[in-house]
Structures are given as structure tokens and as C-alpha cells.
Protein backbone atom coordinates (compact mmCIF):
# COMPACT_ATOMS: atom_id res chain seq x y z
CA MET A 1 81.21 35.08 69.11
CA ASN A 2 84.38 37.15 68.72
CA ARG A 3 85.53 39.94 70.98
CA ARG A 4 84.48 42.71 68.59
CA THR A 5 80.91 41.43 68.47
CA LYS A 6 80.80 41.22 72.26
CA ARG A 7 81.94 44.84 72.53
CA ARG A 8 79.22 45.94 70.11
CA ILE A 9 76.55 44.07 72.06
CA ALA A 10 77.80 45.58 75.34
CA ALA A 11 77.81 49.06 73.79
CA ALA A 12 74.27 48.52 72.47
CA PHE A 13 73.08 47.53 75.95
CA ARG A 14 74.75 50.59 77.48
CA PHE A 15 73.23 52.99 74.98
CA GLY A 16 69.86 51.28 75.34
CA PHE A 17 70.00 51.62 79.11
CA LEU A 18 71.05 55.28 78.87
CA GLY A 19 68.28 55.97 76.36
CA ALA A 20 65.66 54.34 78.58
CA SER A 21 66.93 56.28 81.60
CA LEU A 22 66.85 59.54 79.65
CA PHE A 23 63.29 58.83 78.52
CA ALA A 24 62.18 57.96 82.06
CA VAL A 25 63.60 61.26 83.36
CA GLY A 26 62.79 63.51 80.42
CA PHE A 27 59.27 62.43 79.46
CA PRO A 28 57.57 63.60 82.71
CA ILE A 29 59.23 67.00 82.27
CA TYR A 30 58.08 67.16 78.65
CA TRP A 31 54.55 66.11 79.64
CA MET A 32 54.41 68.78 82.36
CA ILE A 33 55.48 71.51 79.94
CA ILE A 34 53.20 70.40 77.12
CA THR A 35 50.21 70.09 79.47
CA SER A 36 50.74 73.63 80.74
CA PHE A 37 49.99 74.91 77.22
CA LYS A 38 47.00 72.65 76.49
CA PRO A 39 43.41 73.94 76.54
CA ASP A 40 41.13 72.36 79.12
CA ASN A 41 39.38 70.09 76.60
CA GLU A 42 42.70 68.26 75.96
CA TRP A 43 43.58 67.47 79.58
CA PHE A 44 41.55 64.25 79.81
CA THR A 45 41.41 63.04 76.22
CA TRP A 46 42.10 59.41 75.33
CA PRO A 47 44.31 58.55 73.64
CA PRO A 48 46.49 61.32 75.08
CA ILE A 49 47.54 64.24 72.90
CA TYR A 50 51.32 64.27 72.86
CA TRP A 51 51.62 67.42 70.76
CA SER A 52 48.84 69.96 70.93
CA GLU A 53 47.73 71.92 67.89
CA ASN A 54 45.84 74.45 70.03
CA TRP A 55 48.48 76.16 72.12
CA THR A 56 47.20 78.54 74.79
CA LEU A 57 48.54 80.66 77.64
CA ASP A 58 45.26 80.57 79.56
CA ASN A 59 46.68 78.22 82.20
CA TYR A 60 49.49 80.64 83.00
CA ARG A 61 47.10 83.61 83.00
CA VAL A 62 44.81 81.89 85.51
CA VAL A 63 47.61 80.71 87.80
CA TRP A 64 50.05 83.61 87.79
CA LEU A 65 47.97 86.61 86.78
CA GLY A 66 44.68 85.69 88.44
CA ILE A 67 42.69 86.13 85.21
CA GLN A 68 39.67 83.86 85.69
CA ALA A 69 38.83 81.36 83.00
CA ARG A 70 35.97 78.83 82.99
CA ILE A 71 36.49 77.66 86.55
CA THR A 72 34.09 77.34 89.45
CA ALA A 73 34.07 79.47 92.57
CA GLN A 74 35.47 76.54 94.57
CA GLU A 75 38.36 76.16 92.14
CA ALA A 76 39.06 79.87 92.28
CA PHE A 77 39.15 79.70 96.09
CA THR A 78 41.58 76.78 96.20
CA MET A 79 43.88 78.28 93.56
CA GLN A 80 44.37 81.76 94.96
CA LYS A 81 47.57 83.64 95.79
CA PRO A 82 50.26 81.77 93.81
CA LEU A 83 52.47 84.89 93.71
CA GLN A 84 52.29 85.12 97.49
CA ALA A 85 53.28 81.46 97.69
CA LEU A 86 56.22 82.20 95.38
CA LYS A 87 57.40 85.02 97.67
CA HIS A 88 57.10 82.79 100.73
CA SER A 89 59.01 79.95 99.07
CA LEU A 90 61.79 82.27 97.90
CA ALA A 91 62.14 83.85 101.34
CA LEU A 92 62.10 80.51 103.15
CA ALA A 93 64.50 78.81 100.76
CA LEU A 94 67.06 81.62 100.62
CA ILE A 95 67.05 82.48 104.33
CA SER A 96 67.05 78.92 105.65
CA THR A 97 69.63 77.74 103.10
CA THR A 98 71.97 80.64 103.88
CA LEU A 99 71.74 80.02 107.63
CA SER A 100 72.14 76.26 107.22
CA VAL A 101 75.21 76.59 105.02
CA ALA A 102 76.77 79.26 107.25
CA PHE A 103 76.34 77.34 110.51
CA GLY A 104 76.96 73.97 108.93
CA THR A 105 80.25 75.11 107.36
CA LEU A 106 81.53 76.39 110.72
CA ILE A 107 80.55 73.11 112.40
CA ALA A 108 82.18 71.15 109.59
CA TYR A 109 85.40 73.13 110.04
CA GLY A 110 85.41 72.32 113.75
CA VAL A 111 84.80 68.64 113.04
CA SER A 112 87.50 68.51 110.35
CA ARG A 113 90.21 70.39 112.22
CA TYR A 114 89.43 69.95 115.93
CA ARG A 115 87.37 66.75 116.00
CA ILE A 116 84.57 68.34 118.02
CA LEU A 117 82.40 65.42 116.92
CA SER A 118 83.55 61.82 116.71
CA ASP A 119 82.80 59.66 113.68
CA ARG A 120 80.02 57.97 115.62
CA ARG A 121 78.41 61.29 116.51
CA MET A 122 78.73 62.46 112.94
CA PHE A 123 76.90 59.33 111.83
CA ASN A 124 74.24 59.94 114.48
CA LEU A 125 73.90 63.51 113.22
CA LEU A 126 73.17 62.23 109.73
CA MET A 127 70.77 59.62 111.09
CA LEU A 128 68.71 62.42 112.62
CA ARG A 129 67.94 63.56 109.09
CA MET A 130 66.76 60.06 108.23
CA ILE A 131 63.85 60.33 110.68
CA PRO A 132 60.58 60.66 108.69
CA PRO A 133 59.17 64.20 109.05
CA ILE A 134 55.75 62.85 110.02
CA VAL A 135 57.28 61.49 113.25
CA VAL A 136 58.21 64.97 114.50
CA ALA A 137 55.32 66.85 112.90
CA ALA A 138 52.86 66.35 115.78
CA PRO A 139 55.27 67.37 118.59
CA LEU A 140 56.42 70.36 116.54
CA THR A 141 52.84 71.47 116.09
CA LEU A 142 52.30 71.45 119.86
CA TYR A 143 55.54 73.29 120.58
CA TYR A 144 54.94 75.85 117.85
CA SER A 145 51.41 76.50 119.09
CA ALA A 146 52.75 77.20 122.58
CA LEU A 147 55.50 79.47 121.22
CA ASN A 148 53.23 81.27 118.68
CA LEU A 149 55.44 80.07 115.82
CA LEU A 150 52.71 78.19 113.99
CA ASP A 151 51.96 79.56 110.52
CA THR A 152 54.98 81.90 110.55
CA LEU A 153 58.03 82.28 108.36
CA THR A 154 60.27 82.21 111.42
CA GLY A 155 58.93 78.85 112.53
CA LEU A 156 59.50 77.26 109.13
CA VAL A 157 62.98 78.76 108.84
CA ILE A 158 63.96 77.25 112.20
CA VAL A 159 62.75 73.76 111.30
CA TYR A 160 64.31 73.93 107.82
CA VAL A 161 67.69 74.95 109.22
CA ILE A 162 67.62 72.17 111.84
CA THR A 163 66.65 69.50 109.32
CA THR A 164 69.24 70.48 106.67
CA ILE A 165 72.30 71.18 108.84
CA PRO A 166 73.30 67.46 108.93
CA TYR A 167 73.60 67.43 105.14
CA THR A 168 75.54 70.69 105.16
CA VAL A 169 78.01 69.43 107.75
CA TRP A 170 78.64 66.17 105.94
CA MET A 171 79.09 67.78 102.52
CA THR A 172 81.29 70.73 103.51
CA LYS A 173 83.43 68.57 105.81
CA SER A 174 84.47 66.46 102.83
CA PHE A 175 85.66 69.61 101.04
CA ILE A 176 87.53 70.98 104.07
CA ASP A 177 89.28 67.64 104.62
CA GLU A 178 90.95 68.08 101.23
CA ILE A 179 92.67 71.32 102.29
CA PRO A 180 96.23 70.65 103.58
CA HIS A 181 96.86 71.70 107.19
CA GLU A 182 100.14 73.27 106.08
CA MET A 183 98.29 76.11 104.36
CA GLU A 184 96.64 77.15 107.62
CA GLN A 185 99.90 76.82 109.51
CA ALA A 186 101.62 79.07 106.97
CA ALA A 187 98.87 81.68 107.35
CA GLU A 188 99.22 81.58 111.15
CA ILE A 189 103.00 82.01 110.90
CA LEU A 190 102.39 85.11 108.80
CA GLY A 191 100.21 86.53 111.59
CA ALA A 192 96.71 85.71 110.38
CA SER A 193 94.06 85.16 113.03
CA ARG A 194 91.86 82.08 113.06
CA TRP A 195 88.95 83.94 111.43
CA GLN A 196 91.25 85.46 108.81
CA THR A 197 92.56 81.99 108.02
CA ILE A 198 89.04 80.63 107.59
CA TRP A 199 87.79 83.54 105.50
CA GLU A 200 90.89 84.28 103.38
CA VAL A 201 92.49 80.85 103.03
CA ILE A 202 89.95 78.07 103.59
CA PHE A 203 86.79 79.63 102.13
CA PRO A 204 88.25 80.60 98.71
CA LEU A 205 89.46 77.02 98.27
CA ILE A 206 86.13 75.41 99.16
CA ARG A 207 83.94 78.08 97.55
CA SER A 208 82.80 75.81 94.72
CA GLY A 209 81.98 73.08 97.22
CA VAL A 210 79.97 75.53 99.31
CA VAL A 211 78.07 76.64 96.21
CA ALA A 212 77.25 73.01 95.37
CA THR A 213 76.10 72.45 98.96
CA PHE A 214 74.04 75.64 98.83
CA LEU A 215 72.17 74.49 95.71
CA PHE A 216 71.59 71.03 97.18
CA ILE A 217 70.11 72.47 100.38
CA LEU A 218 68.15 75.02 98.37
CA ILE A 219 66.49 72.22 96.40
CA LEU A 220 65.60 70.41 99.63
CA THR A 221 63.99 73.45 101.23
CA TRP A 222 62.34 74.64 98.00
CA SER A 223 60.60 71.30 97.45
CA GLU A 224 59.76 70.46 101.09
CA TYR A 225 56.06 69.73 101.44
CA LEU A 226 54.98 67.84 104.56
CA LEU A 227 56.34 70.14 107.28
CA ALA A 228 55.18 73.22 105.37
CA LEU A 229 51.70 71.71 105.04
CA ILE A 230 51.43 70.91 108.76
CA LEU A 231 53.16 73.94 110.26
CA SER A 232 51.52 76.54 108.00
CA LYS A 233 47.85 77.23 107.38
CA VAL A 234 46.79 80.58 105.91
CA ASP A 235 49.39 83.30 106.45
CA VAL A 236 52.30 81.27 105.08
CA VAL A 237 51.84 79.04 102.02
CA THR A 238 54.73 77.59 100.02
CA LEU A 239 54.62 76.61 96.37
CA PRO A 240 54.47 72.81 96.98
CA VAL A 241 51.53 73.37 99.32
CA GLN A 242 49.91 75.70 96.80
CA LEU A 243 50.41 73.09 94.11
CA SER A 244 48.49 70.52 96.15
CA LYS A 245 45.47 72.84 96.24
CA TYR A 246 44.89 72.20 92.55
CA GLU A 247 43.66 68.70 93.35
CA GLY A 248 40.31 67.59 94.64
CA THR A 249 38.32 70.52 93.28
CA THR A 250 34.64 70.16 92.47
CA GLU A 251 35.32 69.27 88.83
CA GLY A 252 38.28 66.96 89.31
CA ARG A 253 41.95 67.69 88.92
CA VAL A 254 42.85 70.75 86.89
CA TYR A 255 45.94 69.37 85.20
CA GLY A 256 46.67 72.40 83.05
CA TYR A 257 46.78 74.75 86.04
CA GLN A 258 48.85 72.26 87.99
CA ALA A 259 51.34 72.02 85.14
CA ALA A 260 51.57 75.81 84.76
CA LEU A 261 52.32 76.18 88.45
CA ALA A 262 54.76 73.24 88.40
CA VAL A 263 56.72 74.91 85.59
CA GLY A 264 56.99 78.01 87.76
CA VAL A 265 58.17 75.90 90.70
CA THR A 266 60.86 74.20 88.63
CA LEU A 267 62.10 77.16 86.59
CA PRO A 268 63.95 79.08 89.38
CA LEU A 269 66.09 76.03 90.22
CA ILE A 270 67.01 75.57 86.55
CA VAL A 271 67.96 79.25 86.22
CA ILE A 272 70.07 79.17 89.39
CA GLY A 273 71.76 75.96 88.26
CA CYS A 274 72.65 77.51 84.89
CA PHE A 275 74.20 80.58 86.53
CA ILE A 276 76.39 78.59 88.93
CA ARG A 277 77.04 75.47 86.83
CA LYS A 278 80.78 76.22 86.75
CA HIS A 279 80.94 76.07 90.53
CA LEU A 280 78.71 73.00 90.61
CA VAL A 281 80.98 70.98 88.32
CA ARG A 282 84.03 71.84 90.38
CA GLY A 283 82.23 71.41 93.67
CA PHE A 284 80.82 67.97 92.93
CA THR A 285 84.20 66.75 91.60
CA PHE A 286 86.23 68.32 94.43
CA GLY A 287 88.58 65.76 95.95
CA MET A 288 88.16 63.20 93.17
CA VAL A 289 91.91 63.43 92.51
CA LYS A 290 93.76 62.54 95.67
CA ARG A 291 96.91 64.30 96.72
């Protein structure tokens, strides 16, 4: 076997692997979208219908507009208030992500420039995020009940900020480490204060990295399920929790309604990613070329 044949075989394996990976990632998304437009009599058919000939918007009308279709009273009860869940998820994700990135960036600056945390403590900080949420769920429930924070936006914001700050610190620190110290020293010689140096010199240089970190933390908080399920009951319901209510109804799983809601859960992240994709590309490649 000559070298040219070996290269063709290797290229075929690479393209085959990439194609299989793309199918594994893309097919569930396609199936979710196609199911959201299927009528109810095509949800459980066998063999499955991969391309429906009877497109309908009834699933979206039931989920997002509250227009009742052929569903039972129990199903209607478990599938109520998706717009309220959307508002809660948006508020929680935006507020907690903003606070996490703001505090985490300041901590990362202190770690990078003043070594306020050793490498061991930084590792321990990240390990805190590795603790399964179910371990701290029961103690948090007791504390929140005593502090009247159970089933409140404030309570969820606090726990989201605490659980995402380790990621923020680790990500933004890597961006700050790439900024030469000489730039800050030059700003101080010219009379800039420490806060002016951070805001006018450091932040513009790491802005793309902060945007990438912001989107990463936003995805974490937007899709968080377990803590939101345990620490919220009636007054506060997030979209992942709302999505789980479409299971276990009296007539089985309502896949079309689940898919319609799942499309709504996924769409905001796609839109945000499209608007800030320029910053994401630069942020995720920041520091790849060493000085």
C-alpha cells in the first residue's frame, strides 16, 4: 500500500468520523424541530415519520398562546404558564450571569495580578463546582426555608451566582494573564488610578473573553434544572422545570408540546450566539498565539 492510498484511507476515516459526529449532534435537534410541527396522531407512530406531510402549529398555540387543543384537564394543569416560566428564566439567567461575571472578573484580576489565591486554592475553588448539586440541595432547602428565600427569584440568583463563580474566575483569569504588566505600569505612570486602569486598559483588551465567559455562564444558568426544581415550587418556575411538567400526564408523554417548548428554550441561546459570534470566536481563541 503506497503513501497516497494511506492518505486517502486516513482522510476517509476522518470524514466518516466527522459525518457520524455531525449526525449524532444534529439529528436530535432535527427530530425536536420536526416533532414540534407534527399533529398528535404522528407522535407515537411506528415506523417513525421522519418528514411530516401534515404540518401544524397547534403545538405552539397550546404551549405559548394557551389555546387549548384536545388535551385533558390534567394535562392543561401541568402545562400552564410557559410565558411566566420564560420571564423567570430570562430574569434569573441575565441577573445571575451578570453578577457572576462581574464578581468573578474582579476576583480573577486579583488572582492574576496580586495572587490573592494560590494555585492550590484556585484548584479547590474549581473543585467546589464539581460537587453534585443533589449533595447541597437538602441543606439549602433548610437554610432557604429559615431565611424565607425558598421559591423566590432572589434565592435562585444567590445559588446560581455561587455555583458559577468558579467557572468565571478560571476563564477570565486565563484572559487577564495574557495582558502584559507593562501596559498597566504605563497607565499608572500617566496618572491613571487602579480602577481606571482596569476599566480603560484591561477590560477593553479582555472584552471578547468576557463575552465568551458570559455566554458560557448564561448557558449553565439557563439550562440548570435540579436546583431550580428543588428550591422553587409555585411562584418561581424556570423553563427546564416547566418542560419536565409535560411528562407523566394522564395520557402519556405529550411529545409535540414538549418539542414546541424545547424549541423555545433553545432559540434564545442561538439568537444570542449569532449576535455575539464575533466576540465568541476571538474570546475562545484568545491566548492561542503566545507572545
